[in-house]
Amino acid sequence: MSLLDFARGPALQWSLIIFVFGVVWRIVGAALLMRTRDFSKARVSSGDRVKGGVRTILTRSVPPETFEKRIRFQFITGSLWHIGYFAVVLLFVPHILFFESFLGFGWPGLPNPVILVIGAITLATLVALLVRRMIHPVLKIISTADDYISWVVATLPLITGFLAMAHLGLRYETMLAIHILSFELLLIWFPFGKLMHLFFVFPSRYNVGAIFARRGVRV
C-alpha cells in the first residue's frame, strides 16, 4: 500500500470516524450541561426568547461600537480567513470531486486562479494573526498550546495544497498524500480543540440571548 492509498483509504476512514464521534460527543456533552432548570419566573414569552436569541446572534456577529476601534483588525482578519478557508475547501474543483466521490453529489466551483488568490490571502492572513498573537502583550499571555496547535493543523492543508499544485518539494503523488493527511489531521484535532467553535459559536450566542431575554434583559 502506497502512502497515497493509505491517505485515501484507512487514514480517511478513521479520521472521519474520529471527527464524527468527537463532534457528536462534544455536542451531546454541551447539551447535557444545559439541562439545569431555571426556576425563576420568565418575564417574557417563549417567542420573545427566540427573538432575543436571534437578535444576539446578529448583534454579536459585528463589533460593538464601543470596542470597534480596538478589535477592528481582529474582526476583519478573523472574518477574512474563515471565509477564505471555506471557499478553498468547498469551492476548489478537485475538492468538490473528492467530496462527490463519497457524498454522491457535487456543486459548482470557482476557477483555479481565483482559488489560488483566495488561498494566498487566507494563508497570509493566518500568518499575520499568528505574528500578532506572538507579539501582542495580552494575546501572548492568554494564548495556550491549543491556540498554536489549532493554527498549525488549520494552516498545513493550505501549505501542502500549494506545494502539491505547484509540484514543488516531493513527487506529486507523495505531496498529494501529505496534503490529504494534513486535512485528516485537521479532522482528528477538530473536535478536541478550539476549532470546535465552528459548531458552538451561533448556538452559544443564541443561548445567551435567550437566557437574558427570559430575564427581561436586552443584549
N, C-alpha and C. Protein backbone atom coordinates (compact mmCIF):
# COMPACT_ATOMS: atom_id res chain seq x y z
N MET A 1 0.84 -1.20 0.00
CA MET A 1 0.00 0.00 0.00
C MET A 1 0.88 1.25 0.00
N SER A 2 0.66 2.12 -0.97
CA SER A 2 1.44 3.35 -1.05
C SER A 2 0.90 4.36 -0.03
N LEU A 3 1.68 5.43 0.17
CA LEU A 3 1.26 6.47 1.10
C LEU A 3 -0.04 7.12 0.63
N LEU A 4 -0.18 7.29 -0.68
CA LEU A 4 -1.40 7.89 -1.22
C LEU A 4 -2.60 6.97 -1.00
N ASP A 5 -2.41 5.67 -1.19
CA ASP A 5 -3.50 4.72 -0.94
C ASP A 5 -3.90 4.74 0.53
N PHE A 6 -2.90 4.82 1.41
CA PHE A 6 -3.17 4.89 2.85
C PHE A 6 -3.96 6.15 3.19
N ALA A 7 -3.55 7.28 2.59
CA ALA A 7 -4.23 8.55 2.87
C ALA A 7 -5.67 8.53 2.37
N ARG A 8 -5.88 7.94 1.21
CA ARG A 8 -7.23 7.90 0.63
C ARG A 8 -8.10 6.79 1.22
N GLY A 9 -7.47 5.82 1.89
CA GLY A 9 -8.21 4.69 2.42
C GLY A 9 -8.36 4.70 3.93
N PRO A 10 -7.56 3.89 4.62
CA PRO A 10 -7.71 3.76 6.08
C PRO A 10 -7.60 5.08 6.84
N ALA A 11 -6.65 5.93 6.46
CA ALA A 11 -6.48 7.20 7.18
C ALA A 11 -7.72 8.08 7.06
N LEU A 12 -8.29 8.12 5.86
CA LEU A 12 -9.50 8.93 5.65
C LEU A 12 -10.67 8.36 6.44
N GLN A 13 -10.82 7.04 6.42
CA GLN A 13 -11.93 6.41 7.13
C GLN A 13 -11.84 6.68 8.63
N TRP A 14 -10.66 6.48 9.21
CA TRP A 14 -10.52 6.65 10.65
C TRP A 14 -10.61 8.12 11.07
N SER A 15 -10.09 9.00 10.25
CA SER A 15 -10.18 10.42 10.60
C SER A 15 -11.63 10.89 10.58
N LEU A 16 -12.42 10.40 9.62
CA LEU A 16 -13.84 10.75 9.56
C LEU A 16 -14.59 10.18 10.76
N ILE A 17 -14.26 8.93 11.15
CA ILE A 17 -14.90 8.31 12.31
C ILE A 17 -14.60 9.11 13.57
N ILE A 18 -13.32 9.48 13.75
CA ILE A 18 -12.93 10.25 14.93
C ILE A 18 -13.59 11.62 14.91
N PHE A 19 -13.64 12.24 13.74
CA PHE A 19 -14.26 13.56 13.61
C PHE A 19 -15.74 13.50 14.01
N VAL A 20 -16.49 12.57 13.42
CA VAL A 20 -17.93 12.48 13.69
C VAL A 20 -18.16 12.12 15.15
N PHE A 21 -17.44 11.12 15.66
CA PHE A 21 -17.61 10.72 17.06
C PHE A 21 -17.28 11.87 18.00
N GLY A 22 -16.17 12.57 17.72
CA GLY A 22 -15.75 13.67 18.58
C GLY A 22 -16.74 14.82 18.57
N VAL A 23 -17.24 15.17 17.40
CA VAL A 23 -18.21 16.28 17.30
C VAL A 23 -19.50 15.93 18.04
N VAL A 24 -20.01 14.71 17.82
CA VAL A 24 -21.24 14.28 18.50
C VAL A 24 -21.02 14.26 20.01
N TRP A 25 -19.87 13.76 20.44
CA TRP A 25 -19.56 13.70 21.87
C TRP A 25 -19.54 15.08 22.50
N ARG A 26 -18.92 16.05 21.82
CA ARG A 26 -18.85 17.41 22.34
C ARG A 26 -20.24 18.06 22.37
N ILE A 27 -21.02 17.85 21.32
CA ILE A 27 -22.35 18.47 21.26
C ILE A 27 -23.27 17.87 22.32
N VAL A 28 -23.23 16.54 22.47
CA VAL A 28 -24.06 15.89 23.50
C VAL A 28 -23.64 16.35 24.89
N GLY A 29 -22.31 16.46 25.11
CA GLY A 29 -21.83 16.93 26.40
C GLY A 29 -22.29 18.34 26.71
N ALA A 30 -22.26 19.21 25.69
CA ALA A 30 -22.72 20.59 25.89
C ALA A 30 -24.23 20.62 26.15
N ALA A 31 -24.98 19.76 25.45
CA ALA A 31 -26.43 19.72 25.64
C ALA A 31 -26.78 19.25 27.05
N LEU A 32 -26.03 18.29 27.57
CA LEU A 32 -26.29 17.79 28.92
C LEU A 32 -26.01 18.85 29.98
N LEU A 33 -25.04 19.71 29.71
CA LEU A 33 -24.74 20.79 30.66
C LEU A 33 -25.86 21.81 30.74
N MET A 34 -26.72 21.85 29.72
CA MET A 34 -27.80 22.83 29.67
C MET A 34 -29.10 22.30 30.26
N ARG A 35 -29.05 21.12 30.87
CA ARG A 35 -30.29 20.51 31.37
C ARG A 35 -30.79 21.14 32.67
N THR A 36 -29.95 21.95 33.32
CA THR A 36 -30.36 22.56 34.58
C THR A 36 -31.56 23.48 34.36
N ARG A 37 -32.60 23.29 35.15
CA ARG A 37 -33.82 24.09 35.00
C ARG A 37 -33.65 25.45 35.67
N ASP A 38 -34.23 26.45 35.04
CA ASP A 38 -34.26 27.79 35.62
C ASP A 38 -35.62 27.97 36.28
N PHE A 39 -35.64 28.02 37.63
CA PHE A 39 -36.91 28.07 38.38
C PHE A 39 -37.44 29.50 38.54
N SER A 40 -36.66 30.48 38.07
CA SER A 40 -37.15 31.85 38.16
C SER A 40 -38.28 32.07 37.16
N LYS A 41 -39.10 33.03 37.44
CA LYS A 41 -40.25 33.31 36.58
C LYS A 41 -39.81 34.04 35.32
N ALA A 42 -40.25 33.53 34.19
CA ALA A 42 -39.90 34.18 32.92
C ALA A 42 -40.65 35.50 32.78
N ARG A 43 -39.93 36.53 32.35
CA ARG A 43 -40.54 37.85 32.22
C ARG A 43 -41.06 38.13 30.81
N VAL A 44 -40.77 37.22 29.90
CA VAL A 44 -41.25 37.38 28.52
C VAL A 44 -41.78 36.04 28.03
N SER A 45 -42.44 36.06 26.89
CA SER A 45 -42.98 34.82 26.30
C SER A 45 -41.87 34.04 25.62
N SER A 46 -42.17 32.79 25.27
CA SER A 46 -41.19 31.95 24.58
C SER A 46 -40.80 32.55 23.23
N GLY A 47 -41.78 33.19 22.56
CA GLY A 47 -41.49 33.83 21.28
C GLY A 47 -40.50 34.96 21.43
N ASP A 48 -40.59 35.72 22.51
CA ASP A 48 -39.65 36.82 22.75
C ASP A 48 -38.26 36.28 23.07
N ARG A 49 -38.22 35.10 23.71
CA ARG A 49 -36.91 34.49 24.00
C ARG A 49 -36.22 34.08 22.70
N VAL A 50 -37.01 33.56 21.77
CA VAL A 50 -36.46 33.20 20.46
C VAL A 50 -35.93 34.45 19.75
N LYS A 51 -36.72 35.52 19.80
CA LYS A 51 -36.29 36.78 19.18
C LYS A 51 -35.00 37.28 19.83
N GLY A 52 -34.92 37.15 21.16
CA GLY A 52 -33.71 37.58 21.86
C GLY A 52 -32.50 36.78 21.45
N GLY A 53 -32.68 35.47 21.26
CA GLY A 53 -31.57 34.63 20.82
C GLY A 53 -31.10 34.98 19.42
N VAL A 54 -32.05 35.15 18.50
CA VAL A 54 -31.70 35.51 17.11
C VAL A 54 -31.05 36.89 17.07
N ARG A 55 -31.59 37.84 17.83
CA ARG A 55 -31.02 39.18 17.86
C ARG A 55 -29.57 39.16 18.35
N THR A 56 -29.29 38.33 19.35
CA THR A 56 -27.93 38.26 19.88
C THR A 56 -26.97 37.66 18.87
N ILE A 57 -27.44 36.66 18.10
CA ILE A 57 -26.59 36.10 17.04
C ILE A 57 -26.18 37.21 16.06
N LEU A 58 -27.13 38.06 15.70
CA LEU A 58 -26.86 39.12 14.73
C LEU A 58 -25.98 40.22 15.33
N THR A 59 -26.29 40.64 16.54
CA THR A 59 -25.53 41.76 17.13
C THR A 59 -24.11 41.34 17.51
N ARG A 60 -23.93 40.08 17.92
CA ARG A 60 -22.60 39.62 18.31
C ARG A 60 -21.74 39.25 17.09
N SER A 61 -22.34 39.30 15.89
CA SER A 61 -21.58 38.97 14.67
C SER A 61 -20.89 40.19 14.08
N VAL A 62 -21.12 41.35 14.67
CA VAL A 62 -20.41 42.57 14.27
C VAL A 62 -19.80 43.20 15.51
N PRO A 63 -18.69 43.95 15.36
CA PRO A 63 -18.04 44.52 16.55
C PRO A 63 -18.94 45.56 17.22
N PRO A 64 -19.06 45.53 18.55
CA PRO A 64 -19.79 46.59 19.23
C PRO A 64 -19.11 47.94 19.03
N GLU A 65 -19.91 48.97 18.88
CA GLU A 65 -19.36 50.30 18.57
C GLU A 65 -18.33 50.75 19.60
N THR A 66 -18.55 50.39 20.87
CA THR A 66 -17.64 50.81 21.93
C THR A 66 -16.23 50.28 21.73
N PHE A 67 -16.13 49.03 21.23
CA PHE A 67 -14.82 48.39 21.08
C PHE A 67 -14.36 48.29 19.63
N GLU A 68 -15.13 48.88 18.72
CA GLU A 68 -14.87 48.69 17.28
C GLU A 68 -13.43 49.02 16.90
N LYS A 69 -12.90 50.13 17.38
CA LYS A 69 -11.55 50.53 17.01
C LYS A 69 -10.50 49.56 17.54
N ARG A 70 -10.75 49.02 18.73
CA ARG A 70 -9.77 48.14 19.36
C ARG A 70 -9.74 46.75 18.73
N ILE A 71 -10.88 46.29 18.24
CA ILE A 71 -10.94 44.91 17.73
C ILE A 71 -11.15 44.86 16.21
N ARG A 72 -11.02 46.01 15.55
CA ARG A 72 -11.27 46.06 14.10
C ARG A 72 -10.36 45.09 13.35
N PHE A 73 -9.06 45.11 13.67
CA PHE A 73 -8.11 44.23 12.96
C PHE A 73 -8.47 42.77 13.18
N GLN A 74 -8.74 42.40 14.43
CA GLN A 74 -9.07 41.01 14.74
C GLN A 74 -10.35 40.58 14.04
N PHE A 75 -11.33 41.48 14.00
CA PHE A 75 -12.61 41.13 13.37
C PHE A 75 -12.45 40.95 11.87
N ILE A 76 -11.76 41.88 11.22
CA ILE A 76 -11.61 41.81 9.75
C ILE A 76 -10.78 40.60 9.35
N THR A 77 -9.63 40.41 10.00
CA THR A 77 -8.78 39.28 9.63
C THR A 77 -9.43 37.95 9.99
N GLY A 78 -10.12 37.91 11.13
CA GLY A 78 -10.81 36.68 11.50
C GLY A 78 -11.88 36.30 10.50
N SER A 79 -12.67 37.28 10.09
CA SER A 79 -13.70 37.02 9.08
C SER A 79 -13.08 36.63 7.74
N LEU A 80 -11.99 37.31 7.40
CA LEU A 80 -11.34 37.07 6.10
C LEU A 80 -10.83 35.65 5.98
N TRP A 81 -10.13 35.15 7.01
CA TRP A 81 -9.56 33.82 6.88
C TRP A 81 -10.63 32.73 6.97
N HIS A 82 -11.70 32.97 7.75
CA HIS A 82 -12.76 31.98 7.81
C HIS A 82 -13.46 31.85 6.44
N ILE A 83 -13.80 32.98 5.85
CA ILE A 83 -14.48 32.96 4.55
C ILE A 83 -13.56 32.36 3.49
N GLY A 84 -12.30 32.79 3.48
CA GLY A 84 -11.35 32.28 2.51
C GLY A 84 -11.13 30.78 2.65
N TYR A 85 -11.04 30.32 3.89
CA TYR A 85 -10.80 28.89 4.14
C TYR A 85 -11.96 28.05 3.62
N PHE A 86 -13.18 28.48 3.91
CA PHE A 86 -14.34 27.73 3.43
C PHE A 86 -14.40 27.75 1.91
N ALA A 87 -14.02 28.87 1.29
CA ALA A 87 -14.03 28.95 -0.17
C ALA A 87 -13.04 27.96 -0.77
N VAL A 88 -11.84 27.88 -0.19
CA VAL A 88 -10.82 26.96 -0.70
C VAL A 88 -11.26 25.51 -0.53
N VAL A 89 -11.82 25.19 0.63
CA VAL A 89 -12.21 23.80 0.91
C VAL A 89 -13.42 23.38 0.07
N LEU A 90 -14.40 24.26 -0.07
CA LEU A 90 -15.67 23.86 -0.66
C LEU A 90 -15.84 24.25 -2.12
N LEU A 91 -15.02 25.19 -2.63
CA LEU A 91 -15.24 25.68 -3.99
C LEU A 91 -14.08 25.39 -4.94
N PHE A 92 -13.06 24.67 -4.49
CA PHE A 92 -11.96 24.24 -5.35
C PHE A 92 -12.41 22.95 -6.04
N VAL A 93 -12.38 22.95 -7.37
CA VAL A 93 -12.96 21.85 -8.14
C VAL A 93 -12.43 20.47 -7.74
N PRO A 94 -11.10 20.26 -7.58
CA PRO A 94 -10.63 18.94 -7.13
C PRO A 94 -11.21 18.54 -5.77
N HIS A 95 -11.40 19.52 -4.88
CA HIS A 95 -12.01 19.22 -3.59
C HIS A 95 -13.47 18.80 -3.77
N ILE A 96 -14.18 19.48 -4.67
CA ILE A 96 -15.58 19.14 -4.93
C ILE A 96 -15.68 17.72 -5.47
N LEU A 97 -14.77 17.34 -6.36
CA LEU A 97 -14.76 15.98 -6.89
C LEU A 97 -14.47 14.97 -5.79
N PHE A 98 -13.60 15.37 -4.85
CA PHE A 98 -13.29 14.50 -3.71
C PHE A 98 -14.53 14.28 -2.85
N PHE A 99 -15.25 15.36 -2.54
CA PHE A 99 -16.47 15.22 -1.74
C PHE A 99 -17.54 14.43 -2.50
N GLU A 100 -17.60 14.66 -3.81
CA GLU A 100 -18.61 13.98 -4.62
C GLU A 100 -18.39 12.48 -4.64
N SER A 101 -17.11 12.05 -4.51
CA SER A 101 -16.79 10.63 -4.58
C SER A 101 -17.44 9.82 -3.46
N PHE A 102 -17.71 10.45 -2.31
CA PHE A 102 -18.38 9.69 -1.25
C PHE A 102 -19.72 10.29 -0.82
N LEU A 103 -20.01 11.53 -1.26
CA LEU A 103 -21.33 12.10 -0.97
C LEU A 103 -22.34 11.75 -2.05
N GLY A 104 -21.83 11.55 -3.27
CA GLY A 104 -22.72 11.21 -4.36
C GLY A 104 -23.26 12.40 -5.13
N PHE A 105 -22.88 13.60 -4.74
CA PHE A 105 -23.32 14.81 -5.45
C PHE A 105 -22.24 15.88 -5.31
N GLY A 106 -22.26 16.82 -6.24
CA GLY A 106 -21.29 17.91 -6.23
C GLY A 106 -21.98 19.24 -6.38
N TRP A 107 -21.19 20.29 -6.64
CA TRP A 107 -21.71 21.64 -6.80
C TRP A 107 -20.71 22.45 -7.62
N PRO A 108 -21.12 23.58 -8.16
CA PRO A 108 -20.21 24.39 -8.97
C PRO A 108 -19.04 24.92 -8.14
N GLY A 109 -17.88 25.03 -8.79
CA GLY A 109 -16.69 25.55 -8.12
C GLY A 109 -16.20 26.83 -8.77
N LEU A 110 -15.13 27.39 -8.20
CA LEU A 110 -14.51 28.59 -8.73
C LEU A 110 -13.31 28.21 -9.60
N PRO A 111 -12.93 29.07 -10.55
CA PRO A 111 -11.73 28.80 -11.36
C PRO A 111 -10.48 28.68 -10.49
N ASN A 112 -9.54 27.86 -10.92
CA ASN A 112 -8.32 27.63 -10.15
C ASN A 112 -7.55 28.91 -9.81
N PRO A 113 -7.39 29.85 -10.77
CA PRO A 113 -6.66 31.08 -10.42
C PRO A 113 -7.33 31.87 -9.29
N VAL A 114 -8.67 31.86 -9.28
CA VAL A 114 -9.39 32.57 -8.21
C VAL A 114 -9.14 31.89 -6.87
N ILE A 115 -9.17 30.55 -6.85
CA ILE A 115 -8.91 29.80 -5.62
C ILE A 115 -7.48 30.04 -5.15
N LEU A 116 -6.54 30.13 -6.08
CA LEU A 116 -5.14 30.39 -5.70
C LEU A 116 -5.01 31.74 -5.00
N VAL A 117 -5.67 32.75 -5.53
CA VAL A 117 -5.62 34.08 -4.92
C VAL A 117 -6.27 34.04 -3.53
N ILE A 118 -7.44 33.41 -3.44
CA ILE A 118 -8.13 33.32 -2.15
C ILE A 118 -7.27 32.55 -1.15
N GLY A 119 -6.67 31.46 -1.60
CA GLY A 119 -5.82 30.66 -0.71
C GLY A 119 -4.61 31.44 -0.23
N ALA A 120 -4.00 32.23 -1.12
CA ALA A 120 -2.83 33.03 -0.74
C ALA A 120 -3.22 34.10 0.28
N ILE A 121 -4.36 34.75 0.07
CA ILE A 121 -4.83 35.76 1.02
C ILE A 121 -5.14 35.11 2.37
N THR A 122 -5.76 33.95 2.34
CA THR A 122 -6.11 33.24 3.58
C THR A 122 -4.84 32.86 4.35
N LEU A 123 -3.85 32.33 3.64
CA LEU A 123 -2.61 31.93 4.30
C LEU A 123 -1.89 33.14 4.87
N ALA A 124 -1.82 34.22 4.12
CA ALA A 124 -1.18 35.44 4.60
C ALA A 124 -1.89 35.98 5.84
N THR A 125 -3.22 35.90 5.84
CA THR A 125 -3.99 36.37 6.99
C THR A 125 -3.71 35.52 8.22
N LEU A 126 -3.62 34.21 8.05
CA LEU A 126 -3.31 33.32 9.16
C LEU A 126 -1.93 33.61 9.73
N VAL A 127 -0.97 33.87 8.86
CA VAL A 127 0.38 34.21 9.32
C VAL A 127 0.36 35.52 10.10
N ALA A 128 -0.37 36.51 9.59
CA ALA A 128 -0.47 37.80 10.28
C ALA A 128 -1.10 37.63 11.66
N LEU A 129 -2.11 36.78 11.76
CA LEU A 129 -2.76 36.55 13.06
C LEU A 129 -1.82 35.83 14.02
N LEU A 130 -1.01 34.92 13.50
CA LEU A 130 -0.04 34.23 14.36
C LEU A 130 0.99 35.21 14.89
N VAL A 131 1.52 36.06 14.01
CA VAL A 131 2.52 37.05 14.43
C VAL A 131 1.92 37.98 15.49
N ARG A 132 0.69 38.41 15.25
CA ARG A 132 0.03 39.29 16.23
C ARG A 132 -0.14 38.59 17.57
N ARG A 133 -0.51 37.32 17.53
CA ARG A 133 -0.68 36.57 18.77
C ARG A 133 0.64 36.46 19.54
N MET A 134 1.74 36.35 18.81
CA MET A 134 3.04 36.16 19.44
C MET A 134 3.64 37.45 19.98
N ILE A 135 3.21 38.60 19.45
CA ILE A 135 3.83 39.87 19.88
C ILE A 135 2.88 40.74 20.70
N HIS A 136 1.57 40.48 20.61
CA HIS A 136 0.62 41.28 21.36
C HIS A 136 0.76 40.96 22.85
N PRO A 137 0.95 41.94 23.70
CA PRO A 137 1.22 41.66 25.12
C PRO A 137 0.13 40.87 25.83
N VAL A 138 -1.14 41.13 25.48
CA VAL A 138 -2.24 40.41 26.14
C VAL A 138 -2.45 39.04 25.50
N LEU A 139 -2.53 39.00 24.16
CA LEU A 139 -2.73 37.73 23.47
C LEU A 139 -1.63 36.73 23.80
N LYS A 140 -0.40 37.22 23.93
CA LYS A 140 0.73 36.35 24.22
C LYS A 140 0.56 35.66 25.57
N ILE A 141 -0.03 36.37 26.52
CA ILE A 141 -0.22 35.81 27.87
C ILE A 141 -1.36 34.80 27.91
N ILE A 142 -2.47 35.13 27.24
CA ILE A 142 -3.65 34.27 27.35
C ILE A 142 -3.65 33.12 26.35
N SER A 143 -2.72 33.11 25.40
CA SER A 143 -2.67 32.04 24.41
C SER A 143 -2.19 30.74 25.06
N THR A 144 -2.78 29.63 24.63
CA THR A 144 -2.42 28.32 25.14
C THR A 144 -1.89 27.45 24.00
N ALA A 145 -1.46 26.25 24.36
CA ALA A 145 -0.97 25.32 23.33
C ALA A 145 -2.06 25.03 22.30
N ASP A 146 -3.31 25.02 22.75
CA ASP A 146 -4.44 24.77 21.85
C ASP A 146 -4.47 25.79 20.71
N ASP A 147 -4.21 27.05 21.03
CA ASP A 147 -4.23 28.10 20.01
C ASP A 147 -3.20 27.83 18.92
N TYR A 148 -2.00 27.45 19.32
CA TYR A 148 -0.92 27.24 18.36
C TYR A 148 -1.10 25.93 17.59
N ILE A 149 -1.55 24.88 18.29
CA ILE A 149 -1.79 23.61 17.60
C ILE A 149 -2.91 23.78 16.58
N SER A 150 -3.97 24.48 16.96
CA SER A 150 -5.08 24.70 16.04
C SER A 150 -4.63 25.51 14.83
N TRP A 151 -3.74 26.47 15.05
CA TRP A 151 -3.21 27.25 13.93
C TRP A 151 -2.42 26.34 12.98
N VAL A 152 -1.59 25.49 13.54
CA VAL A 152 -0.76 24.60 12.71
C VAL A 152 -1.62 23.65 11.89
N VAL A 153 -2.58 22.98 12.53
CA VAL A 153 -3.38 21.99 11.80
C VAL A 153 -4.31 22.65 10.79
N ALA A 154 -4.68 23.92 11.01
CA ALA A 154 -5.51 24.64 10.05
C ALA A 154 -4.68 25.16 8.87
N THR A 155 -3.41 25.45 9.12
CA THR A 155 -2.56 26.04 8.08
C THR A 155 -1.89 24.99 7.20
N LEU A 156 -1.57 23.83 7.76
CA LEU A 156 -0.87 22.80 6.99
C LEU A 156 -1.58 22.40 5.70
N PRO A 157 -2.91 22.21 5.69
CA PRO A 157 -3.56 21.86 4.42
C PRO A 157 -3.39 22.93 3.33
N LEU A 158 -3.34 24.20 3.73
CA LEU A 158 -3.12 25.26 2.74
C LEU A 158 -1.72 25.18 2.17
N ILE A 159 -0.73 25.03 3.04
CA ILE A 159 0.66 24.98 2.59
C ILE A 159 0.90 23.77 1.70
N THR A 160 0.48 22.61 2.16
CA THR A 160 0.69 21.39 1.37
C THR A 160 -0.11 21.41 0.08
N GLY A 161 -1.28 22.07 0.11
CA GLY A 161 -2.06 22.19 -1.11
C GLY A 161 -1.36 23.04 -2.16
N PHE A 162 -0.76 24.15 -1.73
CA PHE A 162 0.01 24.98 -2.64
C PHE A 162 1.19 24.20 -3.23
N LEU A 163 1.89 23.46 -2.37
CA LEU A 163 3.06 22.69 -2.83
C LEU A 163 2.65 21.61 -3.82
N ALA A 164 1.51 20.96 -3.56
CA ALA A 164 1.04 19.91 -4.47
C ALA A 164 0.63 20.50 -5.82
N MET A 165 -0.06 21.63 -5.79
CA MET A 165 -0.49 22.26 -7.05
C MET A 165 0.69 22.74 -7.87
N ALA A 166 1.73 23.23 -7.18
CA ALA A 166 2.90 23.76 -7.88
C ALA A 166 3.92 22.68 -8.20
N HIS A 167 3.66 21.43 -7.77
CA HIS A 167 4.59 20.32 -7.99
C HIS A 167 5.96 20.64 -7.39
N LEU A 168 5.95 21.21 -6.20
CA LEU A 168 7.20 21.55 -5.51
C LEU A 168 7.48 20.55 -4.40
N GLY A 169 8.77 20.44 -4.06
CA GLY A 169 9.16 19.56 -2.97
C GLY A 169 9.28 18.12 -3.42
N LEU A 170 8.37 17.27 -3.01
CA LEU A 170 8.41 15.84 -3.30
C LEU A 170 7.64 15.51 -4.58
N ARG A 171 7.64 14.23 -4.93
CA ARG A 171 6.84 13.79 -6.08
C ARG A 171 5.39 14.19 -5.86
N TYR A 172 4.67 14.43 -6.96
CA TYR A 172 3.29 14.91 -6.85
C TYR A 172 2.44 13.95 -6.03
N GLU A 173 2.56 12.63 -6.29
CA GLU A 173 1.74 11.66 -5.56
C GLU A 173 2.03 11.71 -4.06
N THR A 174 3.31 11.86 -3.72
CA THR A 174 3.68 11.93 -2.30
C THR A 174 3.18 13.22 -1.67
N MET A 175 3.32 14.33 -2.41
CA MET A 175 2.86 15.62 -1.89
C MET A 175 1.35 15.64 -1.75
N LEU A 176 0.66 15.01 -2.68
CA LEU A 176 -0.80 14.93 -2.60
C LEU A 176 -1.21 14.11 -1.38
N ALA A 177 -0.48 13.01 -1.14
CA ALA A 177 -0.78 12.19 0.04
C ALA A 177 -0.58 12.98 1.33
N ILE A 178 0.49 13.74 1.38
CA ILE A 178 0.76 14.57 2.57
C ILE A 178 -0.33 15.62 2.74
N HIS A 179 -0.78 16.18 1.62
CA HIS A 179 -1.87 17.17 1.68
C HIS A 179 -3.14 16.54 2.26
N ILE A 180 -3.49 15.35 1.78
CA ILE A 180 -4.68 14.67 2.28
C ILE A 180 -4.51 14.32 3.75
N LEU A 181 -3.32 13.85 4.13
CA LEU A 181 -3.06 13.51 5.53
C LEU A 181 -3.14 14.74 6.43
N SER A 182 -2.70 15.89 5.92
CA SER A 182 -2.79 17.12 6.72
C SER A 182 -4.24 17.50 6.96
N PHE A 183 -5.10 17.28 5.95
CA PHE A 183 -6.53 17.53 6.13
C PHE A 183 -7.13 16.55 7.13
N GLU A 184 -6.68 15.31 7.09
CA GLU A 184 -7.18 14.31 8.03
C GLU A 184 -6.71 14.62 9.45
N LEU A 185 -5.52 15.17 9.59
CA LEU A 185 -5.06 15.63 10.90
C LEU A 185 -5.97 16.73 11.43
N LEU A 186 -6.39 17.63 10.54
CA LEU A 186 -7.34 18.68 10.91
C LEU A 186 -8.65 18.07 11.40
N LEU A 187 -9.16 17.05 10.72
CA LEU A 187 -10.40 16.40 11.13
C LEU A 187 -10.26 15.76 12.51
N ILE A 188 -9.11 15.13 12.76
CA ILE A 188 -8.91 14.44 14.04
C ILE A 188 -8.82 15.44 15.18
N TRP A 189 -8.12 16.55 14.96
CA TRP A 189 -7.94 17.54 16.03
C TRP A 189 -9.19 18.37 16.26
N PHE A 190 -9.98 18.54 15.20
CA PHE A 190 -11.10 19.48 15.22
C PHE A 190 -12.00 19.37 16.46
N PRO A 191 -12.51 18.19 16.81
CA PRO A 191 -13.47 18.14 17.93
C PRO A 191 -12.84 18.41 19.30
N PHE A 192 -11.52 18.31 19.39
CA PHE A 192 -10.88 18.36 20.71
C PHE A 192 -10.15 19.68 20.97
N GLY A 193 -10.17 20.59 20.02
CA GLY A 193 -9.50 21.87 20.18
C GLY A 193 -10.48 23.02 20.00
N LYS A 194 -9.93 24.23 19.90
CA LYS A 194 -10.77 25.42 19.79
C LYS A 194 -11.44 25.55 18.43
N LEU A 195 -11.02 24.73 17.47
CA LEU A 195 -11.70 24.77 16.17
C LEU A 195 -13.15 24.33 16.29
N MET A 196 -13.48 23.66 17.37
CA MET A 196 -14.85 23.20 17.59
C MET A 196 -15.82 24.38 17.73
N HIS A 197 -15.28 25.59 17.88
CA HIS A 197 -16.17 26.75 17.99
C HIS A 197 -17.03 26.92 16.74
N LEU A 198 -16.64 26.29 15.63
CA LEU A 198 -17.46 26.34 14.42
C LEU A 198 -18.87 25.83 14.69
N PHE A 199 -19.00 24.81 15.53
CA PHE A 199 -20.31 24.25 15.85
C PHE A 199 -20.97 24.95 17.03
N PHE A 200 -20.19 25.63 17.85
CA PHE A 200 -20.72 26.21 19.07
C PHE A 200 -21.02 27.70 19.00
N VAL A 201 -20.40 28.42 18.06
CA VAL A 201 -20.45 29.87 18.11
C VAL A 201 -21.88 30.41 18.02
N PHE A 202 -22.66 29.96 17.07
CA PHE A 202 -24.01 30.50 16.92
C PHE A 202 -24.99 29.95 17.96
N PRO A 203 -24.95 28.64 18.27
CA PRO A 203 -25.82 28.16 19.36
C PRO A 203 -25.53 28.82 20.70
N SER A 204 -24.25 29.07 21.01
CA SER A 204 -23.93 29.70 22.28
C SER A 204 -24.41 31.15 22.32
N ARG A 205 -24.29 31.86 21.20
CA ARG A 205 -24.80 33.24 21.15
C ARG A 205 -26.32 33.24 21.28
N TYR A 206 -26.96 32.31 20.62
CA TYR A 206 -28.42 32.22 20.73
C TYR A 206 -28.83 31.94 22.17
N ASN A 207 -28.13 31.01 22.82
CA ASN A 207 -28.48 30.64 24.19
C ASN A 207 -28.32 31.82 25.14
N VAL A 208 -27.23 32.58 24.97
CA VAL A 208 -27.02 33.75 25.82
C VAL A 208 -28.16 34.75 25.63
N GLY A 209 -28.52 35.01 24.38
CA GLY A 209 -29.59 35.97 24.11
C GLY A 209 -30.93 35.51 24.66
N ALA A 210 -31.20 34.20 24.53
CA ALA A 210 -32.48 33.67 25.03
C ALA A 210 -32.55 33.74 26.55
N ILE A 211 -31.42 33.45 27.21
CA ILE A 211 -31.39 33.49 28.68
C ILE A 211 -31.61 34.91 29.18
N PHE A 212 -30.91 35.86 28.58
CA PHE A 212 -31.07 37.25 29.01
C PHE A 212 -32.46 37.77 28.70
N ALA A 213 -33.01 37.36 27.53
CA ALA A 213 -34.36 37.80 27.18
C ALA A 213 -35.37 37.25 28.18
N ARG A 214 -35.17 36.03 28.64
CA ARG A 214 -36.07 35.44 29.65
C ARG A 214 -36.09 36.27 30.93
N ARG A 215 -34.96 36.87 31.24
CA ARG A 215 -34.85 37.69 32.44
C ARG A 215 -35.24 39.15 32.20
N GLY A 216 -35.62 39.44 30.96
CA GLY A 216 -36.05 40.79 30.64
C GLY A 216 -34.91 41.73 30.32
N VAL A 217 -33.74 41.16 29.99
CA VAL A 217 -32.56 41.98 29.68
C VAL A 217 -32.31 41.92 28.18
N ARG A 218 -32.08 43.05 27.56
CA ARG A 218 -31.80 43.11 26.13
C ARG A 218 -30.30 43.14 25.90
N VAL A 219 -29.79 42.24 25.05
CA VAL A 219 -28.36 42.21 24.74
C VAL A 219 -28.16 42.29 23.24
